[in-house]
C-alpha atoms as a PDB file:
ATOM      1  CA  UNK A   1     162.622  56.387  93.629  1.00  0.00           C
ATOM      2  CA  UNK A   2     160.980  58.931  95.807  1.00  0.00           C
ATOM      3  CA  UNK A   3     162.787  62.200  96.752  1.00  0.00           C
ATOM      4  CA  UNK A   4     161.421  64.077  99.392  1.00  0.00           C
ATOM      5  CA  UNK A   5     162.080  67.999 100.155  1.00  0.00           C
ATOM      6  CA  UNK A   6     160.910  70.872 102.243  1.00  0.00           C
ATOM      7  CA  UNK A   7     158.059  71.456 100.053  1.00  0.00           C
ATOM      8  CA  UNK A   8     157.915  68.847  97.334  1.00  0.00           C
ATOM      9  CA  UNK A   9     157.973  64.963  96.499  1.00  0.00           C
ATOM     10  CA  UNK A  10     159.747  63.630  93.505  1.00  0.00           C
ATOM     11  CA  UNK A  11     158.250  60.311  92.530  1.00  0.00           C
ATOM     12  CA  UNK A  12     157.467  58.124  89.277  1.00  0.00           C
ATOM     13  CA  UNK A  13     154.613  59.478  86.978  1.00  0.00           C
ATOM     14  CA  UNK A  14     151.380  57.999  87.887  1.00  0.00           C
ATOM     15  CA  UNK A  15     148.112  57.914  85.626  1.00  0.00           C
ATOM     16  CA  UNK A  16     146.483  60.321  87.699  1.00  0.00           C
ATOM     17  CA  UNK A  17     149.173  63.033  86.784  1.00  0.00           C
ATOM     18  CA  UNK A  18     147.993  63.248  83.302  1.00  0.00           C
ATOM     19  CA  UNK A  19     145.716  66.515  83.803  1.00  0.00           C
ATOM     20  CA  UNK A  20     148.303  68.245  85.635  1.00  0.00           C
ATOM     21  CA  UNK A  21     150.984  67.409  82.709  1.00  0.00           C
ATOM     22  CA  UNK A  22     148.304  68.821  80.210  1.00  0.00           C
ATOM     23  CA  UNK A  23     148.500  72.024  82.063  1.00  0.00           C
ATOM     24  CA  UNK A  24     152.260  72.499  81.352  1.00  0.00           C
ATOM     25  CA  UNK A  25     152.747  70.462  78.208  1.00  0.00           C
ATOM     26  CA  UNK A  26     150.305  72.645  76.468  1.00  0.00           C
ATOM     27  CA  UNK A  27     151.418  76.074  77.449  1.00  0.00           C
ATOM     28  CA  UNK A  28     152.985  77.319  74.012  1.00  0.00           C
ATOM     29  CA  UNK A  29     155.733  79.497  76.070  1.00  0.00           C
ATOM     30  CA  UNK A  30     156.558  76.175  77.751  1.00  0.00           C
ATOM     31  CA  UNK A  31     157.111  74.115  74.681  1.00  0.00           C
ATOM     32  CA  UNK A  32     158.869  77.050  72.676  1.00  0.00           C
ATOM     33  CA  UNK A  33     162.434  75.605  73.558  1.00  0.00           C
ATOM     34  CA  UNK A  34     161.375  71.743  73.394  1.00  0.00           C
ATOM     35  CA  UNK A  35     161.610  69.177  70.893  1.00  0.00           C
ATOM     36  CA  UNK A  36     157.801  68.469  71.047  1.00  0.00           C
ATOM     37  CA  UNK A  37     154.727  70.836  70.065  1.00  0.00           C
ATOM     38  CA  UNK A  38     152.276  71.989  72.678  1.00  0.00           C
ATOM     39  CA  UNK A  39     149.861  69.085  73.560  1.00  0.00           C
ATOM     40  CA  UNK A  40     146.348  69.173  72.671  1.00  0.00           C
ATOM     41  CA  UNK A  41     143.351  67.453  73.957  1.00  0.00           C
ATOM     42  CA  UNK A  42     143.163  65.192  70.938  1.00  0.00           C
ATOM     43  CA  UNK A  43     147.047  64.029  71.466  1.00  0.00           C
ATOM     44  CA  UNK A  44     147.060  64.415  75.420  1.00  0.00           C
ATOM     45  CA  UNK A  45     146.844  60.594  75.828  1.00  0.00           C
ATOM     46  CA  UNK A  46     149.148  59.514  73.249  1.00  0.00           C
ATOM     47  CA  UNK A  47     151.880  62.150  74.583  1.00  0.00           C
ATOM     48  CA  UNK A  48     151.427  61.042  78.273  1.00  0.00           C
ATOM     49  CA  UNK A  49     151.313  57.134  77.701  1.00  0.00           C
ATOM     50  CA  UNK A  50     155.230  56.919  76.852  1.00  0.00           C
ATOM     51  CA  UNK A  51     156.003  58.985  80.211  1.00  0.00           C
ATOM     52  CA  UNK A  52     153.954  56.306  82.185  1.00  0.00           C
ATOM     53  CA  UNK A  53     156.154  53.870  80.688  1.00  0.00           C
ATOM     54  CA  UNK A  54     159.281  55.797  81.644  1.00  0.00           C
ATOM     55  CA  UNK A  55     160.400  56.265  77.765  1.00  0.00           C
ATOM     56  CA  UNK A  56     162.197  59.230  76.792  1.00  0.00           C
ATOM     57  CA  UNK A  57     161.305  60.732  73.276  1.00  0.00           C
ATOM     58  CA  UNK A  58     165.186  60.557  73.074  1.00  0.00           C
ATOM     59  CA  UNK A  59     165.199  56.681  72.835  1.00  0.00           C
ATOM     60  CA  UNK A  60     167.655  56.673  75.596  1.00  0.00           C
ATOM     61  CA  UNK A  61     167.248  55.068  79.004  1.00  0.00           C
ATOM     62  CA  UNK A  62     165.603  57.497  81.230  1.00  0.00           C
ATOM     63  CA  UNK A  63     164.034  57.939  84.635  1.00  0.00           C
ATOM     64  CA  UNK A  64     161.108  60.516  84.605  1.00  0.00           C
ATOM     65  CA  UNK A  65     159.975  62.070  87.855  1.00  0.00           C
ATOM     66  CA  UNK A  66     156.706  64.129  88.607  1.00  0.00           C
ATOM     67  CA  UNK A  67     157.400  67.024  90.924  1.00  0.00           C
ATOM     68  CA  UNK A  68     154.531  67.081  93.373  1.00  0.00           C
ATOM     69  CA  UNK A  69     153.476  70.171  95.529  1.00  0.00           C
ATOM     70  CA  UNK A  70     150.359  70.067  97.381  1.00  0.00           C
ATOM     71  CA  UNK A  71     149.249  66.889  95.737  1.00  0.00           C
ATOM     72  CA  UNK A  72     149.471  68.348  92.322  1.00  0.00           C
ATOM     73  CA  UNK A  73     152.020  67.426  89.680  1.00  0.00           C
ATOM     74  CA  UNK A  74     153.691  71.112  88.993  1.00  0.00           C
ATOM     75  CA  UNK A  75     156.750  69.782  86.861  1.00  0.00           C
ATOM     76  CA  UNK A  76     158.726  66.921  85.520  1.00  0.00           C
ATOM     77  CA  UNK A  77     162.468  65.898  85.815  1.00  0.00           C
ATOM     78  CA  UNK A  78     164.240  63.857  83.306  1.00  0.00           C
ATOM     79  CA  UNK A  79     167.172  61.737  84.313  1.00  0.00           C
ATOM     80  CA  UNK A  80     168.757  60.644  80.971  1.00  0.00           C
ATOM     81  CA  UNK A  81     171.634  57.927  80.727  1.00  0.00           C
ATOM     82  CA  UNK A  82     174.332  58.801  78.349  1.00  0.00           C
ATOM     83  CA  UNK A  83     176.873  56.949  76.494  1.00  0.00           C
ATOM     84  CA  UNK A  84     179.683  58.414  78.658  1.00  0.00           C
ATOM     85  CA  UNK A  85     180.253  56.425  81.694  1.00  0.00           C
ATOM     86  CA  UNK A  86     178.550  58.055  84.996  1.00  0.00           C
ATOM     87  CA  UNK A  87     177.412  60.896  83.044  1.00  0.00           C
ATOM     88  CA  UNK A  88     173.733  62.155  83.241  1.00  0.00           C
ATOM     89  CA  UNK A  89     171.910  64.683  81.067  1.00  0.00           C
ATOM     90  CA  UNK A  90     169.073  66.230  82.961  1.00  0.00           C
ATOM     91  CA  UNK A  91     166.068  67.924  81.657  1.00  0.00           C
ATOM     92  CA  UNK A  92     162.912  69.683  83.152  1.00  0.00           C
ATOM     93  CA  UNK A  93     160.029  71.303  82.849  1.00  0.00           C
ATOM     94  CA  UNK A  94     157.631  73.104  85.149  1.00  0.00           C
ATOM     95  CA  UNK A  95     153.996  74.717  85.176  1.00  0.00           C
ATOM     96  CA  UNK A  96     154.581  78.483  84.817  1.00  0.00           C
ATOM     97  CA  UNK A  97     151.865  78.952  87.366  1.00  0.00           C
ATOM     98  CA  UNK A  98     154.493  78.082  89.912  1.00  0.00           C
ATOM     99  CA  UNK A  99     157.478  80.010  88.479  1.00  0.00           C
ATOM    100  CA  UNK A 100     159.369  82.262  90.657  1.00  0.00           C
ATOM    101  CA  UNK A 101     158.798  80.406  93.669  1.00  0.00           C
ATOM    102  CA  UNK A 102     161.941  78.380  94.007  1.00  0.00           C
ATOM    103  CA  UNK A 103     160.215  74.752  93.080  1.00  0.00           C
ATOM    104  CA  UNK A 104     162.546  74.149  90.041  1.00  0.00           C
ATOM    105  CA  UNK A 105     165.587  74.684  92.033  1.00  0.00           C
ATOM    106  CA  UNK A 106     164.504  72.839  95.183  1.00  0.00           C
ATOM    107  CA  UNK A 107     163.767  69.922  92.860  1.00  0.00           C
ATOM    108  CA  UNK A 108     166.864  69.844  90.987  1.00  0.00           C
ATOM    109  CA  UNK A 109     168.939  70.283  94.160  1.00  0.00           C
ATOM    110  CA  UNK A 110     167.257  67.099  95.463  1.00  0.00           C
ATOM    111  CA  UNK A 111     167.671  65.269  92.340  1.00  0.00           C
ATOM    112  CA  UNK A 112     171.502  66.427  92.339  1.00  0.00           C
ATOM    113  CA  UNK A 113     172.377  65.376  95.613  1.00  0.00           C
ATOM    114  CA  UNK A 114     170.557  62.147  94.943  1.00  0.00           C
ATOM    115  CA  UNK A 115     172.414  61.178  91.712  1.00  0.00           C
ATOM    116  CA  UNK A 116     175.638  62.345  93.225  1.00  0.00           C
ATOM    117  CA  UNK A 117     175.686  60.673  96.668  1.00  0.00           C
ATOM    118  CA  UNK A 118     173.603  57.587  95.629  1.00  0.00           C
ATOM    119  CA  UNK A 119     174.138  56.756  92.252  1.00  0.00           C
ATOM    120  CA  UNK A 120     177.875  57.344  91.854  1.00  0.00           C
ATOM    121  CA  UNK A 121     177.180  60.011  88.985  1.00  0.00           C
ATOM    122  CA  UNK A 122     180.341  61.778  87.960  1.00  0.00           C
ATOM    123  CA  UNK A 123     178.982  64.601  85.658  1.00  0.00           C
ATOM    124  CA  UNK A 124     175.319  66.108  85.308  1.00  0.00           C
ATOM    125  CA  UNK A 125     174.833  68.156  82.104  1.00  0.00           C
ATOM    126  CA  UNK A 126     171.909  70.302  80.474  1.00  0.00           C
ATOM    127  CA  UNK A 127     171.544  70.875  76.727  1.00  0.00           C
ATOM    128  CA  UNK A 128     169.754  74.125  76.631  1.00  0.00           C
ATOM    129  CA  UNK A 129     168.251  76.017  73.748  1.00  0.00           C
ATOM    130  CA  UNK A 130     170.375  79.245  74.027  1.00  0.00           C
ATOM    131  CA  UNK A 131     167.224  81.498  73.618  1.00  0.00           C
ATOM    132  CA  UNK A 132     165.653  80.023  76.939  1.00  0.00           C
ATOM    133  CA  UNK A 133     167.214  82.468  79.390  1.00  0.00           C
ATOM    134  CA  UNK A 134     165.110  81.013  82.211  1.00  0.00           C
ATOM    135  CA  UNK A 135     166.445  77.478  81.759  1.00  0.00           C
ATOM    136  CA  UNK A 136     170.127  78.861  81.364  1.00  0.00           C
ATOM    137  CA  UNK A 137     169.804  81.044  84.421  1.00  0.00           C
ATOM    138  CA  UNK A 138     168.431  78.005  86.531  1.00  0.00           C
ATOM    139  CA  UNK A 139     171.464  75.916  85.429  1.00  0.00           C
ATOM    140  CA  UNK A 140     173.716  78.749  86.771  1.00  0.00           C
ATOM    141  CA  UNK A 141     171.743  78.787  90.040  1.00  0.00           C
ATOM    142  CA  UNK A 142     172.477  75.326  90.375  1.00  0.00           C
ATOM    143  CA  UNK A 143     176.254  76.119  90.347  1.00  0.00           C
ATOM    144  CA  UNK A 144     176.564  74.487  86.733  1.00  0.00           C
ATOM    145  CA  UNK A 145     179.113  75.976  84.523  1.00  0.00           C
ATOM    146  CA  UNK A 146     178.483  76.912  80.823  1.00  0.00           C
ATOM    147  CA  UNK A 147     180.868  74.578  79.005  1.00  0.00           C
ATOM    148  CA  UNK A 148     179.985  75.291  75.338  1.00  0.00           C
ATOM    149  CA  UNK A 149     177.740  77.504  72.986  1.00  0.00           C
ATOM    150  CA  UNK A 150     177.144  75.592  69.741  1.00  0.00           C
ATOM    151  CA  UNK A 151     176.103  77.771  66.897  1.00  0.00           C
ATOM    152  CA  UNK A 152     173.038  76.500  64.739  1.00  0.00           C
ATOM    153  CA  UNK A 153     173.755  73.008  65.767  1.00  0.00           C
ATOM    154  CA  UNK A 154     170.481  71.587  66.095  1.00  0.00           C
ATOM    155  CA  UNK A 155     167.463  71.515  63.649  1.00  0.00           C
ATOM    156  CA  UNK A 156     164.271  71.908  65.552  1.00  0.00           C
ATOM    157  CA  UNK A 157     160.839  72.952  64.412  1.00  0.00           C
ATOM    158  CA  UNK A 158     162.012  74.152  61.035  1.00  0.00           C
ATOM    159  CA  UNK A 159     164.860  76.310  61.959  1.00  0.00           C
ATOM    160  CA  UNK A 160     168.481  75.831  63.273  1.00  0.00           C
ATOM    161  CA  UNK A 161     169.058  76.647  66.977  1.00  0.00           C
ATOM    162  CA  UNK A 162     172.016  77.379  69.044  1.00  0.00           C
ATOM    163  CA  UNK A 163     172.609  75.128  72.096  1.00  0.00           C
ATOM    164  CA  UNK A 164     174.257  75.820  75.395  1.00  0.00           C
ATOM    165  CA  UNK A 165     175.905  72.953  77.301  1.00  0.00           C
ATOM    166  CA  UNK A 166     176.014  73.369  81.087  1.00  0.00           C
ATOM    167  CA  UNK A 167     177.827  70.792  83.273  1.00  0.00           C
ATOM    168  CA  UNK A 168     179.071  70.183  86.965  1.00  0.00           C
ATOM    169  CA  UNK A 169     181.007  67.449  88.329  1.00  0.00           C
ATOM    170  CA  UNK A 170     180.448  65.405  91.488  1.00  0.00           C
ATOM    171  CA  UNK A 171     183.500  67.199  93.378  1.00  0.00           C
ATOM    172  CA  UNK A 172     182.198  70.528  92.286  1.00  0.00           C
ATOM    173  CA  UNK A 173     178.659  69.757  93.655  1.00  0.00           C
ATOM    174  CA  UNK A 174     179.943  68.205  96.868  1.00  0.00           C
ATOM    175  CA  UNK A 175     182.223  71.350  97.378  1.00  0.00           C
ATOM    176  CA  UNK A 176     179.572  73.590  96.800  1.00  0.00           C
ATOM    177  CA  UNK A 177     177.204  71.872  99.065  1.00  0.00           C
ATOM    178  CA  UNK A 178     180.141  71.833 101.919  1.00  0.00           C
ATOM    179  CA  UNK A 179     180.786  75.428 101.590  1.00  0.00           C
ATOM    180  CA  UNK A 180     176.733  76.356 102.049  1.00  0.00           C
ATOM    181  CA  UNK A 181     176.794  73.964 104.971  1.00  0.00           C
ATOM    182  CA  UNK A 182     179.927  75.901 106.670  1.00  0.00           C
ATOM    183  CA  UNK A 183     178.284  79.064 105.930  1.00  0.00           C
ATOM    184  CA  UNK A 184     175.229  78.241 107.658  1.00  0.00           C
ATOM    185  CA  UNK A 185     177.077  76.799 110.695  1.00  0.00           C
ATOM    186  CA  UNK A 186     179.102  80.046 110.589  1.00  0.00           C
ATOM    187  CA  UNK A 187     176.014  82.554 110.664  1.00  0.00           C
ATOM    188  CA  UNK A 188     174.124  80.396 113.595  1.00  0.00           C
END
């Protein structure tokens, strides 16, 4: 699966992406709220290999996409199948050198458009560490609603953490996209 936006290409992960992935998976701040520790040069290949095989660490069926900007992988999007019918969990990580430029929003908007229009997805949700304000804000910018705040529900890195669940339904996404289209037409 390849998705093309105004500035980005979303495509399956390739071997040549490993060095770019190391840049964002070795950042301590990037991995602070993830389940894994920051990558090191000694474990980079072991951590990258399952991604090439499209295997999620969650042991669920997943599709992993590299987010490419100017021939460089600047992020990853995880599309994770759930036990619930037509429901997808979304995950993401981006290189902090490309923050505050709208790349994450652009990549995830294209992903949501694809999942809702081409894959007959009913609901997309994100499970976010409650301390990760940037990720929560991204979910809100995608018009996802906060559905739950679970208190100390997840044991990670030797501490109990809170989780926020954000979600959006296909009908909500399509209505949002139609509303945006109508506003653009009205202003032109």
